[in-house]
Amino acid sequence: MKNKKMAAALAAVTNYIKSEEESIVSQTCGPQEQVPVIENEPIFASPFSRWNSGGREALMQMRTMMQMRLMGR
């Protein structure tokens, strides 16, 4: 009786693992849904500004200086 329960449990676990693997394979290799692509010009929050780029450059420079300080250069 104990062997039958063990065999049933092992069969159930094996079947579950197999079904999970099959579902993963079908999700990754299955047919891809066609999503319509809308080709519009990108919408920016604001046009290019020297003030915006200057702030970004300052942040990047500060990050570089912190990295150099941490690396001991």
Protein backbone atom coordinates (compact mmCIF):
# COMPACT_ATOMS: atom_id res chain seq x y z
CA MET A 1 0.00 0.00 0.00
CA LYS A 2 2.82 2.38 0.91
CA ASN A 3 4.63 1.69 -2.40
CA LYS A 4 1.48 2.47 -4.39
CA LYS A 5 1.11 5.84 -2.64
CA MET A 6 4.77 6.63 -3.25
CA ALA A 7 4.48 5.68 -6.92
CA ALA A 8 1.34 7.81 -7.32
CA ALA A 9 3.02 10.78 -5.66
CA LEU A 10 6.11 10.47 -7.86
CA ALA A 11 3.95 10.15 -10.98
CA ALA A 12 2.00 13.27 -10.00
CA VAL A 13 5.16 15.29 -9.38
CA THR A 14 6.71 14.09 -12.65
CA ASN A 15 3.53 14.93 -14.56
CA TYR A 16 3.41 18.39 -12.96
CA ILE A 17 7.04 19.16 -13.83
CA LYS A 18 6.53 17.94 -17.40
CA SER A 19 3.43 20.11 -17.87
CA GLU A 20 5.26 23.16 -16.49
CA GLU A 21 8.17 22.61 -18.89
CA GLU A 22 5.78 22.24 -21.82
CA SER A 23 3.96 25.45 -20.92
CA ILE A 24 7.25 27.35 -20.70
CA VAL A 25 8.36 26.01 -24.07
CA SER A 26 5.03 26.87 -25.68
CA GLN A 27 5.19 30.41 -24.28
CA THR A 28 8.70 31.08 -25.53
CA CYS A 29 8.54 29.26 -28.87
CA GLY A 30 4.85 29.65 -29.64
CA PRO A 31 3.47 31.90 -32.36
CA GLN A 32 4.09 35.54 -31.69
CA GLU A 33 1.14 37.90 -31.69
CA GLN A 34 1.37 40.61 -34.29
CA VAL A 35 1.26 43.97 -32.57
CA PRO A 36 0.50 46.89 -34.85
CA VAL A 37 3.40 49.29 -35.03
CA ILE A 38 2.52 52.96 -35.06
CA GLU A 39 5.25 54.96 -36.71
CA ASN A 40 4.99 58.52 -35.46
CA GLU A 41 7.64 61.06 -34.79
CA PRO A 42 8.86 60.89 -31.21
CA ILE A 43 7.29 63.46 -28.92
CA PHE A 44 9.77 65.17 -26.65
CA ALA A 45 8.80 66.97 -23.48
CA SER A 46 10.63 70.02 -24.70
CA PRO A 47 12.91 70.88 -27.60
CA PHE A 48 16.68 70.67 -27.16
CA SER A 49 17.95 73.12 -24.60
CA ARG A 50 21.53 73.93 -23.66
CA TRP A 51 20.39 74.34 -20.07
CA ASN A 52 19.07 70.77 -19.95
CA SER A 53 22.19 69.28 -21.49
CA GLY A 54 24.42 71.33 -19.18
CA GLY A 55 22.67 69.89 -16.13
CA ARG A 56 23.05 66.37 -17.48
CA GLU A 57 26.74 66.94 -18.16
CA ALA A 58 27.22 68.19 -14.58
CA LEU A 59 25.52 65.07 -13.19
CA MET A 60 27.67 62.79 -15.35
CA GLN A 61 30.83 64.63 -14.30
CA MET A 62 29.87 64.34 -10.62
CA ARG A 63 29.30 60.61 -11.05
CA THR A 64 32.67 60.21 -12.75
CA MET A 65 34.41 62.07 -9.93
CA MET A 66 32.70 59.86 -7.32
CA GLN A 67 33.77 56.74 -9.20
CA MET A 68 37.35 57.95 -9.44
CA ARG A 69 37.32 58.71 -5.72
CA LEU A 70 36.01 55.25 -4.87
CA MET A 71 38.51 53.49 -7.13
CA GLY A 72 41.42 55.44 -5.69
CA ARG A 73 42.68 57.03 -8.90
